[in-house]
């Protein structure tokens, strides 16, 4: 059974679950509580929603490994499972089971909250993951953007499913003129930064996998433009992310925040987000070996996790 856990990348699935839980309870619930409101989606529905997202993501990992076996045998042979420990037929069957469970759970929640159209999100995501593995990842920019977009959707899903149910409070929101857009700003901000950092990380991973992708004729950014230009593209995305973070935090401090100057957030973001992004940019530009690119990719992932941990700081500050 352990070989199947290797296929689904269980650590990544836990990060997906943690992201949804933290966005729901540290961001959405915190802001609602500051208005005297409560979450409306029942806990069991939310658990099913998290599981649906995890199952579909797991199915995506399996089908990606299925179609990526040749490249992985060149780029990272020690990690290959499909064809070695799990048969190709077994991998396809496992993918179908995981994906169907995810679609079923997502559809069930969509109907339960009275928004059956939301079930299309799970069908479309499963389809995009299939086509990503078979077509998109071999197309210039397309595969990178698809992965970044799907990653950005993870923090948005709790908001998408919670927001329609807040109609229960429509009279209170109208009477007291509550600014519900604040929730959209915060969750949307997390989605944006998840998109940008993932996009940069995907390009870095493509540079790391240049040898295998080039030998198989894949039209990735490093194969098409060269390693040096790819490094500049990824570094530029990281620099834009840094600028956007500074602009967003300035808006929070001087326009959206009603509390005294938020030194806690400032210190946290500078030490754990801004400085690491600077380090990442310079380490990427100076990287010259596969090991260097792997370290840069890992650092990018750590920065994303540190950004997620900030949700705990946010709840602490609002509840002061």
C-alpha atoms as a PDB file:
ATOM      1  CA  UNK A   1       0.000   0.000   0.000  1.00  0.00           C
ATOM      2  CA  UNK A   2       2.973   2.298   0.650  1.00  0.00           C
ATOM      3  CA  UNK A   3       3.801   2.339  -3.073  1.00  0.00           C
ATOM      4  CA  UNK A   4       0.410   3.933  -3.773  1.00  0.00           C
ATOM      5  CA  UNK A   5       1.075   6.631  -1.171  1.00  0.00           C
ATOM      6  CA  UNK A   6       4.230   7.487  -3.123  1.00  0.00           C
ATOM      7  CA  UNK A   7       2.111   7.992  -6.227  1.00  0.00           C
ATOM      8  CA  UNK A   8      -0.330  10.444  -4.617  1.00  0.00           C
ATOM      9  CA  UNK A   9       2.370  12.558  -2.925  1.00  0.00           C
ATOM     10  CA  UNK A  10       0.665  12.478   0.444  1.00  0.00           C
ATOM     11  CA  UNK A  11       2.650  15.425   1.840  1.00  0.00           C
ATOM     12  CA  UNK A  12       1.323  17.659  -0.930  1.00  0.00           C
ATOM     13  CA  UNK A  13      -2.222  16.473  -0.208  1.00  0.00           C
ATOM     14  CA  UNK A  14      -1.775  17.434   3.448  1.00  0.00           C
ATOM     15  CA  UNK A  15      -0.654  20.912   2.337  1.00  0.00           C
ATOM     16  CA  UNK A  16      -3.816  21.208   0.214  1.00  0.00           C
ATOM     17  CA  UNK A  17      -5.953  20.251   3.200  1.00  0.00           C
ATOM     18  CA  UNK A  18      -4.051  22.617   5.511  1.00  0.00           C
ATOM     19  CA  UNK A  19      -4.483  25.464   3.020  1.00  0.00           C
ATOM     20  CA  UNK A  20      -8.254  25.008   2.862  1.00  0.00           C
ATOM     21  CA  UNK A  21      -8.583  24.664   6.639  1.00  0.00           C
ATOM     22  CA  UNK A  22      -6.446  27.726   7.387  1.00  0.00           C
ATOM     23  CA  UNK A  23      -8.195  29.880   4.783  1.00  0.00           C
ATOM     24  CA  UNK A  24     -11.597  28.904   6.154  1.00  0.00           C
ATOM     25  CA  UNK A  25     -10.869  29.232   9.860  1.00  0.00           C
ATOM     26  CA  UNK A  26      -8.024  31.746  10.038  1.00  0.00           C
ATOM     27  CA  UNK A  27      -9.169  34.156   7.298  1.00  0.00           C
ATOM     28  CA  UNK A  28     -12.863  33.752   6.475  1.00  0.00           C
ATOM     29  CA  UNK A  29     -14.073  32.900   9.968  1.00  0.00           C
ATOM     30  CA  UNK A  30     -11.866  35.558  11.578  1.00  0.00           C
ATOM     31  CA  UNK A  31     -13.241  38.329   9.356  1.00  0.00           C
ATOM     32  CA  UNK A  32     -16.827  37.109   9.786  1.00  0.00           C
ATOM     33  CA  UNK A  33     -16.395  36.991  13.565  1.00  0.00           C
ATOM     34  CA  UNK A  34     -15.122  40.578  13.554  1.00  0.00           C
ATOM     35  CA  UNK A  35     -18.517  41.497  12.033  1.00  0.00           C
ATOM     36  CA  UNK A  36     -20.409  39.351  14.544  1.00  0.00           C
ATOM     37  CA  UNK A  37     -21.221  36.718  11.889  1.00  0.00           C
ATOM     38  CA  UNK A  38     -20.543  32.978  11.682  1.00  0.00           C
ATOM     39  CA  UNK A  39     -19.580  30.405   9.075  1.00  0.00           C
ATOM     40  CA  UNK A  40     -22.667  28.851   7.501  1.00  0.00           C
ATOM     41  CA  UNK A  41     -21.401  25.761   5.725  1.00  0.00           C
ATOM     42  CA  UNK A  42     -21.807  22.729   8.043  1.00  0.00           C
ATOM     43  CA  UNK A  43     -18.552  21.115   9.151  1.00  0.00           C
ATOM     44  CA  UNK A  44     -19.315  17.799   7.453  1.00  0.00           C
ATOM     45  CA  UNK A  45     -19.845  19.559   4.129  1.00  0.00           C
ATOM     46  CA  UNK A  46     -16.499  21.282   4.473  1.00  0.00           C
ATOM     47  CA  UNK A  47     -14.737  18.014   5.327  1.00  0.00           C
ATOM     48  CA  UNK A  48     -16.271  16.445   2.215  1.00  0.00           C
ATOM     49  CA  UNK A  49     -15.129  19.468   0.187  1.00  0.00           C
ATOM     50  CA  UNK A  50     -11.557  19.099   1.434  1.00  0.00           C
ATOM     51  CA  UNK A  51     -11.587  15.370   0.707  1.00  0.00           C
ATOM     52  CA  UNK A  52     -12.998  15.998  -2.783  1.00  0.00           C
ATOM     53  CA  UNK A  53     -10.156  18.395  -3.547  1.00  0.00           C
ATOM     54  CA  UNK A  54      -7.560  15.991  -2.135  1.00  0.00           C
ATOM     55  CA  UNK A  55      -8.892  12.997  -4.074  1.00  0.00           C
ATOM     56  CA  UNK A  56      -8.961  14.858  -7.386  1.00  0.00           C
ATOM     57  CA  UNK A  57      -5.452  16.228  -6.771  1.00  0.00           C
ATOM     58  CA  UNK A  58      -4.263  12.704  -5.896  1.00  0.00           C
ATOM     59  CA  UNK A  59      -5.755  11.391  -9.128  1.00  0.00           C
ATOM     60  CA  UNK A  60      -3.927  14.159 -10.972  1.00  0.00           C
ATOM     61  CA  UNK A  61      -0.603  13.162  -9.413  1.00  0.00           C
ATOM     62  CA  UNK A  62      -1.123   9.528 -10.429  1.00  0.00           C
ATOM     63  CA  UNK A  63      -1.998  10.257 -14.057  1.00  0.00           C
ATOM     64  CA  UNK A  64       0.892  12.715 -14.281  1.00  0.00           C
ATOM     65  CA  UNK A  65       3.338  10.036 -13.131  1.00  0.00           C
ATOM     66  CA  UNK A  66       1.740   7.578 -15.567  1.00  0.00           C
ATOM     67  CA  UNK A  67       2.429   9.780 -18.598  1.00  0.00           C
ATOM     68  CA  UNK A  68       5.720  11.144 -17.244  1.00  0.00           C
ATOM     69  CA  UNK A  69       7.515   7.855 -16.720  1.00  0.00           C
ATOM     70  CA  UNK A  70      10.019   8.251 -19.582  1.00  0.00           C
ATOM     71  CA  UNK A  71      11.078  11.741 -18.537  1.00  0.00           C
ATOM     72  CA  UNK A  72      11.292  10.763 -14.857  1.00  0.00           C
ATOM     73  CA  UNK A  73      13.565   7.820 -15.717  1.00  0.00           C
ATOM     74  CA  UNK A  74      16.043  10.436 -17.004  1.00  0.00           C
ATOM     75  CA  UNK A  75      15.435  13.309 -14.569  1.00  0.00           C
ATOM     76  CA  UNK A  76      14.833  11.442 -11.300  1.00  0.00           C
ATOM     77  CA  UNK A  77      14.978   7.644 -11.795  1.00  0.00           C
ATOM     78  CA  UNK A  78      14.988   6.967  -8.052  1.00  0.00           C
ATOM     79  CA  UNK A  79      11.429   8.337  -7.711  1.00  0.00           C
ATOM     80  CA  UNK A  80       9.793   6.334 -10.511  1.00  0.00           C
ATOM     81  CA  UNK A  81       6.988   4.085  -9.238  1.00  0.00           C
ATOM     82  CA  UNK A  82       4.780   3.443 -12.282  1.00  0.00           C
ATOM     83  CA  UNK A  83       6.131   0.516 -14.259  1.00  0.00           C
ATOM     84  CA  UNK A  84       8.386  -0.548 -11.392  1.00  0.00           C
ATOM     85  CA  UNK A  85       6.425  -0.990  -8.174  1.00  0.00           C
ATOM     86  CA  UNK A  86       2.963  -0.281  -9.594  1.00  0.00           C
ATOM     87  CA  UNK A  87       1.819  -1.621 -12.954  1.00  0.00           C
ATOM     88  CA  UNK A  88       0.668   0.868 -15.587  1.00  0.00           C
ATOM     89  CA  UNK A  89      -2.785  -0.714 -15.592  1.00  0.00           C
ATOM     90  CA  UNK A  90      -2.913  -0.476 -11.799  1.00  0.00           C
ATOM     91  CA  UNK A  91      -1.953   3.212 -11.946  1.00  0.00           C
ATOM     92  CA  UNK A  92      -4.772   3.999 -14.415  1.00  0.00           C
ATOM     93  CA  UNK A  93      -7.290   2.142 -12.258  1.00  0.00           C
ATOM     94  CA  UNK A  94      -6.074   3.954  -9.150  1.00  0.00           C
ATOM     95  CA  UNK A  95      -6.384   7.299 -10.945  1.00  0.00           C
ATOM     96  CA  UNK A  96      -9.978   6.561 -11.977  1.00  0.00           C
ATOM     97  CA  UNK A  97     -11.003   5.495  -8.470  1.00  0.00           C
ATOM     98  CA  UNK A  98      -9.484   8.591  -6.828  1.00  0.00           C
ATOM     99  CA  UNK A  99     -10.933  10.974  -9.425  1.00  0.00           C
ATOM    100  CA  UNK A 100     -14.440   9.466  -9.309  1.00  0.00           C
ATOM    101  CA  UNK A 101     -14.513   9.634  -5.495  1.00  0.00           C
ATOM    102  CA  UNK A 102     -13.412  13.283  -5.656  1.00  0.00           C
ATOM    103  CA  UNK A 103     -16.050  14.186  -8.251  1.00  0.00           C
ATOM    104  CA  UNK A 104     -18.746  12.363  -6.260  1.00  0.00           C
ATOM    105  CA  UNK A 105     -17.907  14.171  -3.010  1.00  0.00           C
ATOM    106  CA  UNK A 106     -17.651  17.553  -4.728  1.00  0.00           C
ATOM    107  CA  UNK A 107     -20.961  17.041  -6.522  1.00  0.00           C
ATOM    108  CA  UNK A 108     -22.612  15.940  -3.280  1.00  0.00           C
ATOM    109  CA  UNK A 109     -21.511  19.115  -1.468  1.00  0.00           C
ATOM    110  CA  UNK A 110     -22.568  21.287  -4.423  1.00  0.00           C
ATOM    111  CA  UNK A 111     -26.100  19.884  -4.351  1.00  0.00           C
ATOM    112  CA  UNK A 112     -26.277  20.020  -0.548  1.00  0.00           C
ATOM    113  CA  UNK A 113     -25.567  23.763  -0.479  1.00  0.00           C
ATOM    114  CA  UNK A 114     -28.049  24.383  -3.281  1.00  0.00           C
ATOM    115  CA  UNK A 115     -25.465  25.213  -5.950  1.00  0.00           C
ATOM    116  CA  UNK A 116     -25.392  22.175  -8.299  1.00  0.00           C
ATOM    117  CA  UNK A 117     -23.532  24.212 -10.919  1.00  0.00           C
ATOM    118  CA  UNK A 118     -20.504  24.202  -8.593  1.00  0.00           C
ATOM    119  CA  UNK A 119     -20.113  20.481  -9.320  1.00  0.00           C
ATOM    120  CA  UNK A 120     -18.770  21.466 -12.747  1.00  0.00           C
ATOM    121  CA  UNK A 121     -15.675  22.749 -10.952  1.00  0.00           C
ATOM    122  CA  UNK A 122     -14.692  19.187 -10.037  1.00  0.00           C
ATOM    123  CA  UNK A 123     -15.458  17.712 -13.455  1.00  0.00           C
ATOM    124  CA  UNK A 124     -13.476  20.478 -15.156  1.00  0.00           C
ATOM    125  CA  UNK A 125     -10.541  20.177 -12.754  1.00  0.00           C
ATOM    126  CA  UNK A 126     -10.319  16.424 -13.300  1.00  0.00           C
ATOM    127  CA  UNK A 127     -10.422  16.981 -17.060  1.00  0.00           C
ATOM    128  CA  UNK A 128      -7.781  19.715 -16.956  1.00  0.00           C
ATOM    129  CA  UNK A 129      -5.472  17.467 -14.902  1.00  0.00           C
ATOM    130  CA  UNK A 130      -5.825  14.701 -17.498  1.00  0.00           C
ATOM    131  CA  UNK A 131      -5.119  17.026 -20.420  1.00  0.00           C
ATOM    132  CA  UNK A 132      -2.270  18.633 -18.491  1.00  0.00           C
ATOM    133  CA  UNK A 133      -0.555  15.263 -18.208  1.00  0.00           C
ATOM    134  CA  UNK A 134      -1.186  14.306 -21.833  1.00  0.00           C
ATOM    135  CA  UNK A 135      -0.961  17.617 -23.724  1.00  0.00           C
ATOM    136  CA  UNK A 136      -0.640  20.873 -21.779  1.00  0.00           C
ATOM    137  CA  UNK A 137       2.647  20.201 -19.973  1.00  0.00           C
ATOM    138  CA  UNK A 138       4.343  19.716 -23.341  1.00  0.00           C
ATOM    139  CA  UNK A 139       3.165  23.110 -24.617  1.00  0.00           C
ATOM    140  CA  UNK A 140       5.123  26.309 -24.102  1.00  0.00           C
ATOM    141  CA  UNK A 141       3.897  28.220 -20.998  1.00  0.00           C
ATOM    142  CA  UNK A 142       0.528  26.388 -21.006  1.00  0.00           C
ATOM    143  CA  UNK A 143       1.500  23.630 -18.575  1.00  0.00           C
ATOM    144  CA  UNK A 144       3.116  26.066 -16.130  1.00  0.00           C
ATOM    145  CA  UNK A 145       0.077  28.354 -16.168  1.00  0.00           C
ATOM    146  CA  UNK A 146      -2.341  25.443 -15.696  1.00  0.00           C
ATOM    147  CA  UNK A 147      -0.512  24.189 -12.591  1.00  0.00           C
ATOM    148  CA  UNK A 148      -0.276  27.720 -11.176  1.00  0.00           C
ATOM    149  CA  UNK A 149      -3.992  28.306 -11.802  1.00  0.00           C
ATOM    150  CA  UNK A 150      -5.044  25.024 -10.156  1.00  0.00           C
ATOM    151  CA  UNK A 151      -2.839  25.808  -7.148  1.00  0.00           C
ATOM    152  CA  UNK A 152      -4.446  29.245  -6.866  1.00  0.00           C
ATOM    153  CA  UNK A 153      -7.875  27.605  -6.852  1.00  0.00           C
ATOM    154  CA  UNK A 154      -7.170  25.728  -3.608  1.00  0.00           C
ATOM    155  CA  UNK A 155      -7.529  28.766  -1.267  1.00  0.00           C
ATOM    156  CA  UNK A 156     -10.463  30.017  -3.361  1.00  0.00           C
ATOM    157  CA  UNK A 157     -12.578  26.856  -3.006  1.00  0.00           C
ATOM    158  CA  UNK A 158     -13.565  27.443   0.671  1.00  0.00           C
ATOM    159  CA  UNK A 159     -14.632  30.989  -0.259  1.00  0.00           C
ATOM    160  CA  UNK A 160     -16.537  29.915  -3.388  1.00  0.00           C
ATOM    161  CA  UNK A 161     -18.596  27.410  -1.407  1.00  0.00           C
ATOM    162  CA  UNK A 162     -19.052  29.538   1.726  1.00  0.00           C
ATOM    163  CA  UNK A 163     -19.981  32.854   0.133  1.00  0.00           C
ATOM    164  CA  UNK A 164     -23.410  31.896  -1.303  1.00  0.00           C
ATOM    165  CA  UNK A 165     -24.486  30.600   2.118  1.00  0.00           C
ATOM    166  CA  UNK A 166     -23.756  33.969   3.711  1.00  0.00           C
ATOM    167  CA  UNK A 167     -26.962  35.185   2.102  1.00  0.00           C
ATOM    168  CA  UNK A 168     -28.511  34.228   5.450  1.00  0.00           C
ATOM    169  CA  UNK A 169     -27.002  37.444   6.794  1.00  0.00           C
ATOM    170  CA  UNK A 170     -28.033  39.651   3.847  1.00  0.00           C
ATOM    171  CA  UNK A 171     -30.271  41.878   5.992  1.00  0.00           C
ATOM    172  CA  UNK A 172     -27.574  42.371   8.646  1.00  0.00           C
ATOM    173  CA  UNK A 173     -24.945  43.063   5.976  1.00  0.00           C
ATOM    174  CA  UNK A 174     -27.203  45.643   4.333  1.00  0.00           C
ATOM    175  CA  UNK A 175     -28.323  47.373   7.531  1.00  0.00           C
ATOM    176  CA  UNK A 176     -24.839  47.697   9.007  1.00  0.00           C
ATOM    177  CA  UNK A 177     -23.153  48.198   5.611  1.00  0.00           C
ATOM    178  CA  UNK A 178     -20.612  45.457   6.304  1.00  0.00           C
ATOM    179  CA  UNK A 179     -17.758  45.351   3.813  1.00  0.00           C
ATOM    180  CA  UNK A 180     -17.737  41.692   2.764  1.00  0.00           C
ATOM    181  CA  UNK A 181     -15.243  42.484   0.017  1.00  0.00           C
ATOM    182  CA  UNK A 182     -12.527  42.336   2.681  1.00  0.00           C
ATOM    183  CA  UNK A 183     -12.866  38.543   2.645  1.00  0.00           C
ATOM    184  CA  UNK A 184     -12.479  38.509  -1.135  1.00  0.00           C
ATOM    185  CA  UNK A 185      -9.404  40.765  -0.892  1.00  0.00           C
ATOM    186  CA  UNK A 186      -7.625  38.501   1.588  1.00  0.00           C
ATOM    187  CA  UNK A 187      -8.479  35.149   0.043  1.00  0.00           C
ATOM    188  CA  UNK A 188      -7.971  36.534  -3.468  1.00  0.00           C
ATOM    189  CA  UNK A 189      -4.593  37.870  -2.366  1.00  0.00           C
ATOM    190  CA  UNK A 190      -3.544  34.425  -1.200  1.00  0.00           C
ATOM    191  CA  UNK A 191      -4.727  32.942  -4.493  1.00  0.00           C
ATOM    192  CA  UNK A 192      -2.731  35.522  -6.452  1.00  0.00           C
ATOM    193  CA  UNK A 193       0.500  34.903  -4.559  1.00  0.00           C
ATOM    194  CA  UNK A 194      -0.028  31.136  -4.810  1.00  0.00           C
ATOM    195  CA  UNK A 195      -0.359  31.561  -8.575  1.00  0.00           C
ATOM    196  CA  UNK A 196       2.776  33.693  -8.948  1.00  0.00           C
ATOM    197  CA  UNK A 197       5.024  31.599  -6.687  1.00  0.00           C
ATOM    198  CA  UNK A 198       3.818  28.352  -8.256  1.00  0.00           C
ATOM    199  CA  UNK A 199       4.419  29.732 -11.740  1.00  0.00           C
ATOM    200  CA  UNK A 200       7.994  30.652 -10.807  1.00  0.00           C
ATOM    201  CA  UNK A 201       8.529  27.274  -9.137  1.00  0.00           C
ATOM    202  CA  UNK A 202       7.232  25.371 -12.169  1.00  0.00           C
ATOM    203  CA  UNK A 203       9.732  27.169 -14.396  1.00  0.00           C
ATOM    204  CA  UNK A 204      12.524  26.379 -11.922  1.00  0.00           C
ATOM    205  CA  UNK A 205      11.485  22.714 -11.931  1.00  0.00           C
ATOM    206  CA  UNK A 206      11.526  22.741 -15.731  1.00  0.00           C
ATOM    207  CA  UNK A 207      15.095  24.056 -15.625  1.00  0.00           C
ATOM    208  CA  UNK A 208      15.955  21.236 -13.220  1.00  0.00           C
ATOM    209  CA  UNK A 209      14.364  18.725 -15.632  1.00  0.00           C
ATOM    210  CA  UNK A 210      15.943  20.284 -18.739  1.00  0.00           C
ATOM    211  CA  UNK A 211      17.941  17.182 -19.668  1.00  0.00           C
ATOM    212  CA  UNK A 212      14.996  14.788 -19.767  1.00  0.00           C
ATOM    213  CA  UNK A 213      12.575  17.255 -21.361  1.00  0.00           C
ATOM    214  CA  UNK A 214      15.096  18.167 -24.055  1.00  0.00           C
ATOM    215  CA  UNK A 215      15.809  14.538 -24.932  1.00  0.00           C
ATOM    216  CA  UNK A 216      12.066  13.843 -25.297  1.00  0.00           C
ATOM    217  CA  UNK A 217      11.473  16.950 -27.420  1.00  0.00           C
ATOM    218  CA  UNK A 218       9.206  18.753 -24.943  1.00  0.00           C
ATOM    219  CA  UNK A 219       8.614  22.425 -25.639  1.00  0.00           C
ATOM    220  CA  UNK A 220       9.188  23.724 -22.109  1.00  0.00           C
ATOM    221  CA  UNK A 221      10.417  27.247 -21.414  1.00  0.00           C
ATOM    222  CA  UNK A 222      14.072  26.171 -20.781  1.00  0.00           C
ATOM    223  CA  UNK A 223      14.074  23.989 -23.913  1.00  0.00           C
ATOM    224  CA  UNK A 224      12.570  26.770 -26.050  1.00  0.00           C
ATOM    225  CA  UNK A 225      14.356  29.852 -24.676  1.00  0.00           C
ATOM    226  CA  UNK A 226      17.391  28.343 -22.973  1.00  0.00           C
ATOM    227  CA  UNK A 227      18.334  28.044 -19.313  1.00  0.00           C
ATOM    228  CA  UNK A 228      19.648  31.606 -18.880  1.00  0.00           C
ATOM    229  CA  UNK A 229      16.490  33.235 -20.234  1.00  0.00           C
ATOM    230  CA  UNK A 230      14.325  30.872 -18.160  1.00  0.00           C
ATOM    231  CA  UNK A 231      16.176  31.935 -15.021  1.00  0.00           C
ATOM    232  CA  UNK A 232      15.497  35.573 -15.873  1.00  0.00           C
ATOM    233  CA  UNK A 233      11.801  34.854 -16.498  1.00  0.00           C
ATOM    234  CA  UNK A 234      11.415  33.034 -13.169  1.00  0.00           C
ATOM    235  CA  UNK A 235      13.384  35.743 -11.326  1.00  0.00           C
ATOM    236  CA  UNK A 236      11.200  38.451 -12.925  1.00  0.00           C
ATOM    237  CA  UNK A 237       8.039  36.667 -11.759  1.00  0.00           C
ATOM    238  CA  UNK A 238       9.458  36.500  -8.241  1.00  0.00           C
ATOM    239  CA  UNK A 239      10.383  40.202  -8.373  1.00  0.00           C
ATOM    240  CA  UNK A 240       6.842  41.096  -9.504  1.00  0.00           C
ATOM    241  CA  UNK A 241       5.476  38.957  -6.674  1.00  0.00           C
ATOM    242  CA  UNK A 242       7.637  40.872  -4.212  1.00  0.00           C
ATOM    243  CA  UNK A 243       6.444  44.232  -5.560  1.00  0.00           C
ATOM    244  CA  UNK A 244       2.805  43.106  -5.420  1.00  0.00           C
ATOM    245  CA  UNK A 245       3.301  41.944  -1.823  1.00  0.00           C
ATOM    246  CA  UNK A 246       4.719  45.319  -0.805  1.00  0.00           C
ATOM    247  CA  UNK A 247       1.851  47.173  -2.518  1.00  0.00           C
ATOM    248  CA  UNK A 248      -0.794  44.885  -0.961  1.00  0.00           C
ATOM    249  CA  UNK A 249       0.700  45.152   2.524  1.00  0.00           C
ATOM    250  CA  UNK A 250       0.943  48.937   2.225  1.00  0.00           C
ATOM    251  CA  UNK A 251      -2.746  49.032   1.306  1.00  0.00           C
ATOM    252  CA  UNK A 252      -3.523  46.861   4.329  1.00  0.00           C
ATOM    253  CA  UNK A 253      -1.524  49.057   6.699  1.00  0.00           C
ATOM    254  CA  UNK A 254      -2.695  52.451   5.525  1.00  0.00           C
ATOM    255  CA  UNK A 255      -6.161  51.840   4.061  1.00  0.00           C
ATOM    256  CA  UNK A 256      -7.780  48.629   5.287  1.00  0.00           C
ATOM    257  CA  UNK A 257      -6.418  48.331   8.803  1.00  0.00           C
ATOM    258  CA  UNK A 258      -8.384  50.054  11.558  1.00  0.00           C
ATOM    259  CA  UNK A 259      -5.974  49.043  14.294  1.00  0.00           C
ATOM    260  CA  UNK A 260      -2.666  50.681  15.340  1.00  0.00           C
ATOM    261  CA  UNK A 261       0.342  50.119  13.098  1.00  0.00           C
ATOM    262  CA  UNK A 262       0.762  46.377  12.604  1.00  0.00           C
ATOM    263  CA  UNK A 263       4.386  45.780  13.577  1.00  0.00           C
ATOM    264  CA  UNK A 264       3.822  42.024  14.020  1.00  0.00           C
ATOM    265  CA  UNK A 265       2.807  41.526  10.389  1.00  0.00           C
ATOM    266  CA  UNK A 266       5.551  43.831   9.178  1.00  0.00           C
ATOM    267  CA  UNK A 267       8.277  41.918  11.036  1.00  0.00           C
ATOM    268  CA  UNK A 268       6.896  38.522  10.012  1.00  0.00           C
ATOM    269  CA  UNK A 269       6.587  39.396   6.325  1.00  0.00           C
ATOM    270  CA  UNK A 270      10.027  40.997   6.137  1.00  0.00           C
ATOM    271  CA  UNK A 271      11.822  38.121   7.896  1.00  0.00           C
ATOM    272  CA  UNK A 272       9.887  35.145   6.543  1.00  0.00           C
ATOM    273  CA  UNK A 273       8.656  36.297   3.122  1.00  0.00           C
ATOM    274  CA  UNK A 274      10.513  39.320   1.714  1.00  0.00           C
ATOM    275  CA  UNK A 275      14.075  38.300   2.672  1.00  0.00           C
ATOM    276  CA  UNK A 276      13.570  34.658   1.571  1.00  0.00           C
ATOM    277  CA  UNK A 277      12.244  35.833  -1.822  1.00  0.00           C
ATOM    278  CA  UNK A 278      15.340  38.035  -2.241  1.00  0.00           C
ATOM    279  CA  UNK A 279      17.520  35.048  -1.338  1.00  0.00           C
ATOM    280  CA  UNK A 280      15.570  32.878  -3.783  1.00  0.00           C
ATOM    281  CA  UNK A 281      16.026  35.365  -6.638  1.00  0.00           C
ATOM    282  CA  UNK A 282      19.800  35.612  -6.120  1.00  0.00           C
ATOM    283  CA  UNK A 283      20.256  31.868  -5.577  1.00  0.00           C
ATOM    284  CA  UNK A 284      18.289  31.183  -8.765  1.00  0.00           C
ATOM    285  CA  UNK A 285      20.333  33.638 -10.836  1.00  0.00           C
ATOM    286  CA  UNK A 286      23.567  32.143  -9.484  1.00  0.00           C
ATOM    287  CA  UNK A 287      22.429  28.514  -9.829  1.00  0.00           C
ATOM    288  CA  UNK A 288      24.426  26.346 -12.204  1.00  0.00           C
ATOM    289  CA  UNK A 289      23.703  22.733 -11.308  1.00  0.00           C
ATOM    290  CA  UNK A 290      20.683  20.500 -10.995  1.00  0.00           C
ATOM    291  CA  UNK A 291      21.223  20.459  -7.230  1.00  0.00           C
ATOM    292  CA  UNK A 292      21.123  24.278  -7.126  1.00  0.00           C
ATOM    293  CA  UNK A 293      17.811  24.372  -9.014  1.00  0.00           C
ATOM    294  CA  UNK A 294      16.355  21.739  -6.720  1.00  0.00           C
ATOM    295  CA  UNK A 295      17.310  23.850  -3.687  1.00  0.00           C
ATOM    296  CA  UNK A 296      15.709  26.922  -5.304  1.00  0.00           C
ATOM    297  CA  UNK A 297      12.511  24.953  -5.982  1.00  0.00           C
ATOM    298  CA  UNK A 298      12.424  23.736  -2.369  1.00  0.00           C
ATOM    299  CA  UNK A 299      12.965  27.276  -1.046  1.00  0.00           C
ATOM    300  CA  UNK A 300      10.072  28.512  -3.177  1.00  0.00           C
ATOM    301  CA  UNK A 301       7.834  25.858  -1.622  1.00  0.00           C
ATOM    302  CA  UNK A 302       8.995  26.820   1.877  1.00  0.00           C
ATOM    303  CA  UNK A 303       8.119  30.477   1.170  1.00  0.00           C
ATOM    304  CA  UNK A 304       4.621  29.405   0.158  1.00  0.00           C
ATOM    305  CA  UNK A 305       4.247  27.475   3.413  1.00  0.00           C
ATOM    306  CA  UNK A 306       5.498  30.446   5.425  1.00  0.00           C
ATOM    307  CA  UNK A 307       2.924  32.613   3.663  1.00  0.00           C
ATOM    308  CA  UNK A 308       0.252  30.126   4.660  1.00  0.00           C
ATOM    309  CA  UNK A 309       1.404  30.213   8.287  1.00  0.00           C
ATOM    310  CA  UNK A 310       0.795  33.980   8.258  1.00  0.00           C
ATOM    311  CA  UNK A 311      -2.947  33.217   8.447  1.00  0.00           C
ATOM    312  CA  UNK A 312      -2.326  32.301  12.099  1.00  0.00           C
ATOM    313  CA  UNK A 313      -0.683  35.692  12.653  1.00  0.00           C
ATOM    314  CA  UNK A 314      -3.653  37.368  10.970  1.00  0.00           C
ATOM    315  CA  UNK A 315      -6.145  35.707  13.336  1.00  0.00           C
ATOM    316  CA  UNK A 316      -4.007  36.649  16.344  1.00  0.00           C
ATOM    317  CA  UNK A 317      -3.833  40.299  15.263  1.00  0.00           C
ATOM    318  CA  UNK A 318      -7.555  40.643  14.540  1.00  0.00           C
ATOM    319  CA  UNK A 319      -8.442  39.064  17.894  1.00  0.00           C
ATOM    320  CA  UNK A 320      -6.143  41.378  19.899  1.00  0.00           C
END
